[in-house]
Amino acid sequence: MSTEKKYRLINYNFKLILFVIAAMIMGSITICSVRPDFLTKQLIGVSACIIGMIVVSLIDYNFICKYYMVLYVINIGLLFLVLVAGSGGGDTGVHRWFYISDSFTIQPSEFAKIILILCTAVFLEKNYENLNTPKVLAKLAVFLAVPVGLIVAEPDLSTSICVMATLFIIIFVGGLSLKLIGIMILVLVPAFGGFIWYIQQDNLPQFLKTYQINRILGHIYGSEYGASSDQQDNSVMAIGSGQLSGKGINNSTVATVKDTNLISEQQTDFIFSAVGEELGFIGSVIIIAILCLIVLQCIRVARHAKDKKGMYIATGIGALVAFQTFINIGVATALLPNTGLPLPFISYGLSSLVSMSAGIGLVLNINLQKKKY
């Protein structure tokens, strides 16, 4: 069947692509204000990602899903290789990036998010009828545990949590039994209390890095853990200082947090502090609204997908954007412990931008093949 007959322009989700481009533009403007020297690279990345997103949107997602095991193996290979030969941005024992040059690194865990959404979607479609049987659940657990375990080993706890939360939403939509979910909640709630107690025991072996423990305990107990919360305190101060309308982009007449370097690498994980400071409450709400609209469009596409696989993929991409947004803004406003996750389409970082754009491209293709009424 020709592409011309298969895809109709009327089915192209222009709203979604416009929301994504709007978010990228807002992100580029903020990055320009925080680190003007990064603007050229970001604009090149944005331009390439928009073109790539459109190209992916014209490739049948079913064709891509045929090779899900190839993608799965490549994903495992990259995650393993980064543990062996990757760098960690200065943190001892951390291996998250392939260092190409001073201005170019690759983070495999960002691409793992999209690949795992695809692989989970295919698995669920193949095992839809028997999902809640012990055998299928065990197979699914092993299938996902290997790549997620490699991400945990980097260590990259924030990405691991985000990925697991996203995959849980896909599995829930796939028909996971409410009884099983209830049992999980009954187990996880006391387990979380035990986890907090365990990481405070100096005489027991710890599976988390010292800085990770300090961030968690610093969020619970505050200043007792010192510098672990300084970044967040400065972020909250910056957001609050922006008040209603902000201090303005590239404003040189008013002192800003970026001028004093109170937040290191503000253009990445703490970019929302720059948004709040320079664009104020109004600008922050606009960016949150754009990201919410992207999520809602993904949900809308999922509801009208022609098959279960398409529904799972669109749901997963929407959940990924939602969870990353929640965690990033939660950290920047000190609602969550300090951890590093980019704000989708806003933060500086081409690995994140490429993976998110590819995900949106898949959603656009799913919409092009939506159910006919």
Protein backbone atom coordinates (compact mmCIF):
# COMPACT_ATOMS: atom_id res chain seq x y z
CA MET A 1 0.00 0.00 0.00
CA SER A 2 1.41 3.39 -0.90
CA THR A 3 2.15 6.03 1.70
CA GLU A 4 -0.22 8.34 -0.12
CA LYS A 5 -3.21 6.06 0.46
CA LYS A 6 -2.10 5.00 3.91
CA TYR A 7 -1.57 8.41 5.46
CA ARG A 8 -3.95 11.32 5.07
CA LEU A 9 -2.87 14.86 5.90
CA ILE A 10 -6.16 15.44 7.72
CA ASN A 11 -5.07 12.83 10.30
CA TYR A 12 -1.76 14.54 11.06
CA ASN A 13 -1.78 15.84 14.64
CA PHE A 14 -0.59 19.40 14.02
CA LYS A 15 -1.61 20.43 17.54
CA LEU A 16 0.84 18.00 19.10
CA ILE A 17 3.76 19.00 16.88
CA LEU A 18 3.05 22.71 17.47
CA PHE A 19 2.98 22.17 21.26
CA VAL A 20 6.32 20.34 21.06
CA ILE A 21 7.90 23.06 18.91
CA ALA A 22 6.54 25.73 21.30
CA ALA A 23 8.18 23.90 24.23
CA MET A 24 11.47 23.67 22.32
CA ILE A 25 11.38 27.38 21.55
CA MET A 26 10.69 28.26 25.19
CA GLY A 27 13.54 25.99 26.22
CA SER A 28 15.95 27.56 23.72
CA ILE A 29 15.06 31.06 24.92
CA THR A 30 15.72 30.09 28.54
CA ILE A 31 18.97 28.30 27.68
CA CYS A 32 20.11 31.39 25.76
CA SER A 33 19.57 33.48 28.88
CA VAL A 34 21.35 31.05 31.21
CA ARG A 35 24.20 29.94 28.90
CA PRO A 36 24.34 31.99 25.67
CA ASP A 37 27.35 29.95 24.49
CA PHE A 38 25.13 26.85 24.29
CA LEU A 39 22.44 28.44 22.11
CA THR A 40 23.93 27.56 18.69
CA LYS A 41 24.31 23.89 19.58
CA GLN A 42 20.79 23.80 21.04
CA LEU A 43 19.24 25.40 17.95
CA ILE A 44 21.03 22.93 15.68
CA GLY A 45 19.74 20.12 17.88
CA VAL A 46 16.19 21.49 17.89
CA SER A 47 16.18 21.86 14.09
CA ALA A 48 17.51 18.33 13.59
CA CYS A 49 15.03 16.90 16.10
CA ILE A 50 12.04 18.58 14.44
CA ILE A 51 13.08 17.12 11.07
CA GLY A 52 13.74 13.73 12.70
CA MET A 53 10.39 13.81 14.49
CA ILE A 54 8.56 14.40 11.20
CA VAL A 55 10.55 11.62 9.49
CA VAL A 56 9.76 9.14 12.30
CA SER A 57 6.08 10.17 12.13
CA LEU A 58 5.96 8.87 8.54
CA ILE A 59 7.44 5.44 9.39
CA ASP A 60 4.88 2.80 10.31
CA TYR A 61 5.29 2.08 14.03
CA ASN A 62 4.33 -1.55 13.34
CA PHE A 63 7.37 -1.81 11.08
CA ILE A 64 9.62 -0.49 13.86
CA CYS A 65 8.02 -2.82 16.41
CA LYS A 66 8.84 -5.84 14.23
CA TYR A 67 12.44 -5.31 15.24
CA TYR A 68 11.77 -4.81 18.95
CA MET A 69 14.18 -7.60 19.96
CA VAL A 70 16.93 -6.04 17.84
CA LEU A 71 16.31 -2.73 19.59
CA TYR A 72 16.21 -4.52 22.95
CA VAL A 73 19.60 -6.17 22.35
CA ILE A 74 21.15 -2.91 21.10
CA ASN A 75 19.77 -1.18 24.19
CA ILE A 76 21.29 -3.81 26.49
CA GLY A 77 24.59 -3.54 24.64
CA LEU A 78 24.78 0.25 24.96
CA LEU A 79 23.80 0.21 28.65
CA PHE A 80 26.43 -2.45 29.36
CA LEU A 81 29.08 -0.65 27.32
CA VAL A 82 28.52 2.64 29.14
CA LEU A 83 29.14 0.84 32.45
CA VAL A 84 32.48 -0.38 31.11
CA ALA A 85 33.67 2.59 29.05
CA GLY A 86 31.41 5.49 30.03
CA SER A 87 32.17 8.62 32.02
CA GLY A 88 30.28 10.17 34.92
CA GLY A 89 30.66 13.92 34.78
CA GLY A 90 32.99 14.07 37.77
CA ASP A 91 31.14 11.72 40.16
CA THR A 92 33.37 8.83 41.20
CA GLY A 93 31.94 5.47 40.27
CA VAL A 94 29.28 6.97 37.98
CA HIS A 95 29.12 5.84 34.34
CA ARG A 96 26.28 7.45 32.40
CA TRP A 97 27.71 9.07 29.26
CA PHE A 98 29.86 8.24 26.28
CA TYR A 99 32.32 11.11 26.10
CA ILE A 100 32.83 12.09 22.45
CA SER A 101 34.25 15.61 22.91
CA ASP A 102 34.08 18.53 25.33
CA SER A 103 30.81 19.63 23.75
CA PHE A 104 29.29 16.29 22.79
CA THR A 105 28.26 13.34 24.97
CA ILE A 106 25.70 10.54 24.52
CA GLN A 107 23.52 9.21 27.35
CA PRO A 108 22.20 5.72 26.47
CA SER A 109 19.63 5.68 29.29
CA GLU A 110 17.70 8.45 27.50
CA PHE A 111 17.23 6.24 24.44
CA ALA A 112 16.47 3.27 26.70
CA LYS A 113 13.28 5.01 27.82
CA ILE A 114 11.75 4.95 24.33
CA ILE A 115 13.08 1.49 23.47
CA LEU A 116 11.63 0.01 26.67
CA ILE A 117 8.24 1.60 25.94
CA LEU A 118 8.27 -0.05 22.49
CA CYS A 119 9.40 -3.43 23.82
CA THR A 120 6.83 -3.41 26.65
CA ALA A 121 4.06 -2.49 24.21
CA VAL A 122 4.91 -5.41 21.92
CA PHE A 123 5.20 -7.83 24.85
CA LEU A 124 1.83 -6.79 26.27
CA GLU A 125 0.09 -7.12 22.91
CA LYS A 126 1.51 -10.60 22.44
CA ASN A 127 0.49 -11.68 25.96
CA TYR A 128 -2.69 -9.66 26.43
CA GLU A 129 -4.93 -12.65 27.21
CA ASN A 130 -2.59 -14.15 29.82
CA LEU A 131 -1.04 -11.03 31.32
CA ASN A 132 -2.08 -11.76 34.92
CA THR A 133 -0.75 -15.32 35.00
CA PRO A 134 2.40 -15.93 37.11
CA LYS A 135 4.33 -17.26 34.09
CA VAL A 136 3.74 -14.16 31.90
CA LEU A 137 4.33 -11.73 34.78
CA ALA A 138 7.60 -13.50 35.59
CA LYS A 139 8.70 -13.31 31.94
CA LEU A 140 7.82 -9.62 31.83
CA ALA A 141 9.69 -8.96 35.08
CA VAL A 142 12.87 -10.63 33.79
CA PHE A 143 12.48 -8.97 30.37
CA LEU A 144 12.43 -5.49 31.96
CA ALA A 145 14.72 -6.16 34.93
CA VAL A 146 17.87 -6.54 32.80
CA PRO A 147 17.85 -3.06 31.15
CA VAL A 148 16.42 -1.32 34.23
CA GLY A 149 19.04 -3.04 36.38
CA LEU A 150 21.81 -1.75 34.10
CA ILE A 151 20.45 1.80 34.47
CA VAL A 152 20.37 1.38 38.26
CA ALA A 153 23.99 0.16 38.13
CA GLU A 154 25.26 3.34 36.39
CA PRO A 155 23.96 4.51 38.96
CA ASP A 156 21.04 6.58 37.67
CA LEU A 157 18.32 6.26 40.29
CA SER A 158 16.14 9.09 38.96
CA THR A 159 15.97 7.65 35.43
CA SER A 160 15.32 4.18 36.87
CA ILE A 161 12.38 5.44 38.93
CA CYS A 162 10.98 7.41 35.98
CA VAL A 163 11.28 4.40 33.65
CA MET A 164 9.68 2.00 36.15
CA ALA A 165 6.79 4.40 36.80
CA THR A 166 6.24 4.81 33.05
CA LEU A 167 6.33 1.06 32.40
CA PHE A 168 3.93 0.46 35.29
CA ILE A 169 1.40 2.81 33.68
CA ILE A 170 1.68 0.91 30.37
CA ILE A 171 1.24 -2.43 32.14
CA PHE A 172 -1.73 -1.04 34.09
CA VAL A 173 -3.38 0.10 30.86
CA GLY A 174 -2.53 -3.32 29.41
CA GLY A 175 -4.89 -4.95 31.92
CA LEU A 176 -2.88 -5.59 35.10
CA SER A 177 -5.20 -6.98 37.77
CA LEU A 178 -6.40 -4.48 40.39
CA LYS A 179 -5.97 -7.22 42.97
CA LEU A 180 -2.27 -7.47 42.10
CA ILE A 181 -1.93 -3.68 42.28
CA GLY A 182 -3.51 -3.75 45.76
CA ILE A 183 -1.05 -6.41 46.89
CA MET A 184 1.84 -4.32 45.51
CA ILE A 185 0.68 -1.28 47.46
CA LEU A 186 0.39 -3.32 50.68
CA VAL A 187 3.97 -4.53 50.16
CA LEU A 188 5.56 -1.28 48.94
CA VAL A 189 4.26 1.07 51.66
CA PRO A 190 5.94 -0.74 54.60
CA ALA A 191 8.93 -1.54 52.35
CA PHE A 192 9.46 2.19 51.80
CA GLY A 193 9.49 2.77 55.56
CA GLY A 194 12.01 -0.03 55.94
CA PHE A 195 14.13 1.46 53.16
CA ILE A 196 14.31 4.87 54.94
CA TRP A 197 15.31 3.12 58.18
CA TYR A 198 17.91 0.96 56.41
CA ILE A 199 19.80 3.77 54.68
CA GLN A 200 20.30 5.47 58.07
CA GLN A 201 22.17 2.47 59.51
CA ASP A 202 25.92 3.05 59.38
CA ASN A 203 26.75 -0.54 60.36
CA LEU A 204 24.89 -2.12 57.43
CA PRO A 205 26.13 -2.44 53.81
CA GLN A 206 24.49 0.15 51.55
CA PHE A 207 23.41 -0.36 47.94
CA LEU A 208 23.11 3.39 47.27
CA LYS A 209 25.93 5.88 46.82
CA THR A 210 26.64 8.22 49.75
CA TYR A 211 25.46 11.28 47.79
CA GLN A 212 22.17 9.53 46.98
CA ILE A 213 21.56 8.71 50.64
CA ASN A 214 22.40 12.30 51.65
CA ARG A 215 19.96 13.69 49.09
CA ILE A 216 17.11 11.51 50.35
CA LEU A 217 17.80 12.12 54.03
CA GLY A 218 18.56 15.80 53.40
CA HIS A 219 15.07 16.16 51.92
CA ILE A 220 13.51 14.52 54.98
CA TYR A 221 15.62 16.04 57.75
CA GLY A 222 16.80 19.29 56.15
CA SER A 223 19.99 21.14 57.09
CA GLU A 224 21.39 18.23 59.11
CA TYR A 225 22.74 16.92 55.80
CA GLY A 226 24.18 20.27 54.73
CA ALA A 227 25.13 20.91 51.14
CA SER A 228 22.89 18.16 49.74
CA SER A 229 19.95 20.61 49.76
CA ASP A 230 21.78 23.84 48.82
CA GLN A 231 20.98 23.53 45.12
CA GLN A 232 17.28 23.19 45.87
CA ASP A 233 17.26 26.06 48.37
CA ASN A 234 18.84 28.32 45.75
CA SER A 235 16.39 27.07 43.13
CA VAL A 236 13.38 27.90 45.32
CA MET A 237 14.88 31.32 46.03
CA ALA A 238 15.31 31.95 42.30
CA ILE A 239 11.76 30.88 41.45
CA GLY A 240 10.31 33.01 44.26
CA SER A 241 12.32 36.06 43.24
CA GLY A 242 10.69 36.00 39.81
CA GLN A 243 7.31 36.78 41.40
CA LEU A 244 4.41 37.24 38.94
CA SER A 245 6.04 38.33 35.67
CA GLY A 246 9.75 37.56 36.25
CA LYS A 247 12.90 39.62 35.94
CA GLY A 248 13.00 39.30 32.16
CA ILE A 249 15.12 37.27 29.76
CA ASN A 250 18.77 38.42 29.64
CA ASN A 251 17.99 41.19 32.13
CA SER A 252 21.23 42.92 33.12
CA THR A 253 19.74 45.49 35.48
CA VAL A 254 18.56 43.06 38.18
CA ALA A 255 20.71 40.51 40.01
CA THR A 256 19.86 36.91 39.14
CA VAL A 257 20.91 33.51 40.43
CA LYS A 258 22.74 32.72 37.18
CA ASP A 259 24.96 35.79 37.69
CA THR A 260 26.18 34.41 41.02
CA ASN A 261 26.47 30.74 39.95
CA LEU A 262 24.43 29.63 42.97
CA ILE A 263 23.04 26.80 40.84
CA SER A 264 25.59 24.82 38.85
CA GLU A 265 24.60 23.69 35.33
CA GLN A 266 21.31 25.57 35.62
CA GLN A 267 20.54 24.92 31.94
CA THR A 268 19.97 21.20 32.54
CA ASP A 269 18.21 19.68 35.56
CA PHE A 270 17.42 23.01 37.25
CA ILE A 271 16.26 24.94 34.20
CA PHE A 272 12.85 25.48 35.81
CA SER A 273 14.57 27.75 38.36
CA ALA A 274 15.63 29.99 35.45
CA VAL A 275 12.10 29.86 34.03
CA GLY A 276 10.61 30.93 37.36
CA GLU A 277 13.17 33.67 37.93
CA GLU A 278 13.15 35.24 34.48
CA LEU A 279 9.60 34.51 33.27
CA GLY A 280 7.90 34.51 36.66
CA PHE A 281 4.73 32.71 37.69
CA ILE A 282 3.07 33.51 34.36
CA GLY A 283 5.92 32.04 32.28
CA SER A 284 6.12 28.97 34.56
CA VAL A 285 2.40 28.30 34.17
CA ILE A 286 2.66 28.67 30.38
CA ILE A 287 5.46 26.09 30.18
CA ILE A 288 3.63 23.68 32.50
CA ALA A 289 0.47 24.16 30.43
CA ILE A 290 2.31 23.37 27.17
CA LEU A 291 3.77 20.19 28.65
CA CYS A 292 0.35 19.19 30.02
CA LEU A 293 -1.17 19.72 26.57
CA ILE A 294 1.50 17.44 25.07
CA VAL A 295 0.56 14.74 27.60
CA LEU A 296 -3.16 15.19 26.90
CA GLN A 297 -2.58 14.90 23.16
CA CYS A 298 -0.68 11.63 23.72
CA ILE A 299 -3.60 10.30 25.79
CA ARG A 300 -6.03 11.37 23.06
CA VAL A 301 -3.97 9.54 20.44
CA ALA A 302 -3.86 6.45 22.69
CA ARG A 303 -7.65 6.41 22.99
CA HIS A 304 -8.07 6.42 19.21
CA ALA A 305 -5.19 4.07 18.31
CA LYS A 306 -6.10 1.34 15.83
CA ASP A 307 -4.54 -1.44 17.94
CA LYS A 308 -3.41 -2.18 21.48
CA LYS A 309 0.27 -1.75 20.62
CA GLY A 310 -0.34 1.79 19.40
CA MET A 311 -2.38 2.54 22.51
CA TYR A 312 0.39 1.28 24.79
CA ILE A 313 3.12 3.27 23.00
CA ALA A 314 1.16 6.55 23.02
CA THR A 315 0.25 5.99 26.67
CA GLY A 316 3.89 5.32 27.51
CA ILE A 317 5.19 8.45 25.79
CA GLY A 318 2.53 10.57 27.52
CA ALA A 319 3.37 9.00 30.89
CA LEU A 320 7.10 9.56 30.33
CA VAL A 321 6.61 13.27 29.61
CA ALA A 322 4.29 13.57 32.63
CA PHE A 323 6.61 11.79 35.09
CA GLN A 324 9.74 13.62 33.92
CA THR A 325 7.96 16.95 34.17
CA PHE A 326 6.65 16.15 37.64
CA ILE A 327 10.03 14.96 38.93
CA ASN A 328 12.01 17.84 37.38
CA ILE A 329 9.70 20.56 38.68
CA GLY A 330 9.29 18.71 41.99
CA VAL A 331 13.07 18.80 42.48
CA ALA A 332 13.39 22.44 41.40
CA THR A 333 10.69 23.48 43.90
CA ALA A 334 12.08 21.20 46.68
CA LEU A 335 8.94 19.03 46.76
CA LEU A 336 11.08 15.97 45.95
CA PRO A 337 14.64 14.93 46.91
CA ASN A 338 17.38 16.36 44.72
CA THR A 339 17.89 14.21 41.64
CA GLY A 340 18.78 14.79 38.02
CA LEU A 341 16.21 14.54 35.24
CA PRO A 342 15.81 16.95 32.31
CA LEU A 343 12.60 18.90 31.80
CA PRO A 344 11.20 17.46 28.52
CA PHE A 345 11.90 19.65 25.45
CA ILE A 346 13.03 22.51 27.74
CA SER A 347 16.33 21.44 29.34
CA TYR A 348 19.65 21.54 27.54
CA GLY A 349 20.79 18.06 26.53
CA LEU A 350 20.60 16.57 23.05
CA SER A 351 20.24 12.92 24.15
CA SER A 352 17.02 13.79 25.96
CA LEU A 353 15.80 16.00 23.11
CA VAL A 354 16.46 13.31 20.47
CA SER A 355 14.78 10.51 22.45
CA MET A 356 11.71 12.61 23.33
CA SER A 357 11.37 13.79 19.72
CA ALA A 358 11.54 10.18 18.48
CA GLY A 359 8.83 9.28 20.99
CA ILE A 360 6.57 12.07 19.75
CA GLY A 361 7.25 10.97 16.17
CA LEU A 362 5.89 7.53 17.07
CA VAL A 363 2.77 9.10 18.61
CA LEU A 364 2.23 11.17 15.45
CA ASN A 365 2.44 8.01 13.33
CA ILE A 366 -0.03 6.20 15.59
CA ASN A 367 -2.43 9.11 15.07
CA LEU A 368 -2.01 8.87 11.30
CA GLN A 369 -3.31 5.29 11.50
CA LYS A 370 -6.06 5.91 14.04
CA LYS A 371 -9.39 4.09 14.00
CA LYS A 372 -11.87 5.06 11.31
CA TYR A 373 -15.38 5.85 12.49
